[in-house]
């Protein structure tokens, strides 16, 4: 006679890992910094805030990586990269805008504005 052995039902502990702090916030700020890079400093501010929060969150993650989920760390990295791209784009755009204003006002005295205005 054969005996069937039922597998013992041991308690399986399911570990739910936490999200890295501010991972979603950094992702949103990074995406918004890319979207608003041409809005005279808004993208720059959003990008810098995203970079600061991302750096702090990366330090927290590196202290205890087993505590946090991998997907939230990937979101944090993606947001940090987006924030870096948005900051660079916004910085270049702001620099080009300032140079454009300086060049534009620097050549104002070369144009015959009085002659143009007398014609109206």
Protein backbone atom coordinates (compact mmCIF):
# COMPACT_ATOMS: atom_id res chain seq x y z
CA UNK A 1 0.00 0.00 0.00
CA UNK A 2 1.42 3.41 -0.94
CA UNK A 3 1.22 6.39 1.26
CA UNK A 4 0.74 9.80 -0.21
CA UNK A 5 2.65 12.45 1.57
CA UNK A 6 1.04 15.82 1.63
CA UNK A 7 3.48 18.67 1.38
CA UNK A 8 3.65 20.47 4.64
CA UNK A 9 2.20 23.89 4.50
CA UNK A 10 4.82 26.09 6.01
CA UNK A 11 4.17 29.70 6.59
CA UNK A 12 5.60 31.59 3.69
CA UNK A 13 6.66 35.03 4.63
CA UNK A 14 6.07 37.52 1.87
CA UNK A 15 8.27 40.52 2.20
CA UNK A 16 6.82 43.72 0.89
CA UNK A 17 9.61 46.13 0.23
CA UNK A 18 9.19 49.84 0.67
CA UNK A 19 9.51 52.40 -2.05
CA UNK A 20 12.59 54.59 -2.06
CA UNK A 21 11.62 57.93 -0.48
CA UNK A 22 10.71 60.60 -3.03
CA UNK A 23 11.24 58.29 -6.02
CA UNK A 24 7.92 59.28 -7.62
CA UNK A 25 8.42 62.95 -6.79
CA UNK A 26 11.87 62.94 -8.42
CA UNK A 27 10.44 61.26 -11.52
CA UNK A 28 7.65 63.84 -11.82
CA UNK A 29 10.04 66.76 -11.25
CA UNK A 30 12.45 65.36 -13.82
CA UNK A 31 9.76 65.02 -16.46
CA UNK A 32 8.38 68.49 -15.72
CA UNK A 33 11.86 70.01 -15.92
CA UNK A 34 12.20 68.63 -19.45
CA UNK A 35 8.74 69.88 -20.41
CA UNK A 36 9.30 73.39 -19.01
CA UNK A 37 12.96 73.88 -19.94
CA UNK A 38 12.14 76.90 -22.11
CA UNK A 39 10.00 78.75 -19.56
CA UNK A 40 12.64 81.14 -18.22
CA UNK A 41 13.89 79.30 -15.20
CA UNK A 42 10.92 77.11 -14.26
CA UNK A 43 12.55 74.03 -15.76
CA UNK A 44 15.84 74.96 -14.12
CA UNK A 45 14.23 75.22 -10.67
CA UNK A 46 12.30 71.96 -11.10
CA UNK A 47 15.42 70.18 -12.32
CA UNK A 48 17.61 71.38 -9.48
CA UNK A 49 15.01 70.41 -6.88
CA UNK A 50 14.72 66.99 -8.55
CA UNK A 51 18.50 66.54 -8.49
CA UNK A 52 18.75 67.47 -4.82
CA UNK A 53 15.90 65.18 -3.76
CA UNK A 54 17.25 62.40 -5.97
CA UNK A 55 20.73 62.63 -4.48
CA UNK A 56 19.35 62.47 -0.93
CA UNK A 57 17.16 59.49 -1.83
CA UNK A 58 20.09 57.68 -3.45
CA UNK A 59 22.08 58.07 -0.23
CA UNK A 60 19.17 56.65 1.76
CA UNK A 61 18.88 53.72 -0.65
CA UNK A 62 22.61 52.97 -0.52
CA UNK A 63 22.50 52.75 3.29
CA UNK A 64 20.04 49.81 3.20
CA UNK A 65 19.29 48.58 -0.35
CA UNK A 66 17.57 45.38 0.82
CA UNK A 67 14.80 47.44 2.42
CA UNK A 68 13.61 49.07 -0.82
CA UNK A 69 12.12 47.71 -4.03
CA UNK A 70 14.11 47.60 -7.24
CA UNK A 71 11.34 49.21 -9.30
CA UNK A 72 11.23 52.29 -7.11
CA UNK A 73 15.02 52.61 -7.38
CA UNK A 74 14.71 52.41 -11.17
CA UNK A 75 12.07 55.18 -11.03
CA UNK A 76 14.45 57.23 -8.91
CA UNK A 77 17.27 56.78 -11.41
CA UNK A 78 15.02 57.63 -14.35
CA UNK A 79 13.77 60.76 -12.60
CA UNK A 80 17.30 61.79 -11.66
CA UNK A 81 18.45 61.42 -15.29
CA UNK A 82 15.41 63.38 -16.52
CA UNK A 83 16.11 66.10 -13.96
CA UNK A 84 19.71 66.29 -15.15
CA UNK A 85 18.63 66.57 -18.79
CA UNK A 86 16.00 69.19 -17.92
CA UNK A 87 18.50 71.20 -15.86
CA UNK A 88 21.06 71.18 -18.67
CA UNK A 89 18.47 72.17 -21.29
CA UNK A 90 17.04 74.92 -19.07
CA UNK A 91 20.51 76.22 -18.23
CA UNK A 92 21.50 76.37 -21.90
CA UNK A 93 18.19 78.00 -22.83
CA UNK A 94 18.50 80.58 -20.08
CA UNK A 95 22.09 81.33 -21.07
CA UNK A 96 21.15 81.75 -24.75
CA UNK A 97 18.24 84.00 -23.75
CA UNK A 98 20.46 86.22 -21.60
CA UNK A 99 23.10 86.42 -24.33
CA UNK A 100 20.38 87.28 -26.85
CA UNK A 101 19.04 90.09 -24.69
CA UNK A 102 22.54 91.45 -24.08
CA UNK A 103 23.43 91.36 -27.76
CA UNK A 104 20.08 92.82 -28.74
CA UNK A 105 20.38 95.77 -26.36
CA UNK A 106 24.07 96.24 -27.16
CA UNK A 107 23.35 97.00 -30.79
CA UNK A 108 20.44 99.34 -30.14
CA UNK A 109 22.52 102.47 -30.67
CA UNK A 110 23.56 101.34 -34.20
CA UNK A 111 20.03 101.54 -35.57
CA UNK A 112 18.54 104.88 -36.69
CA UNK A 113 15.56 104.73 -34.34
CA UNK A 114 14.87 108.47 -34.54
CA UNK A 115 14.65 108.38 -38.32
CA UNK A 116 12.35 105.38 -38.21
CA UNK A 117 10.07 106.96 -35.61
CA UNK A 118 9.80 110.26 -37.51
CA UNK A 119 8.28 108.42 -40.44
CA UNK A 120 5.22 107.46 -38.39
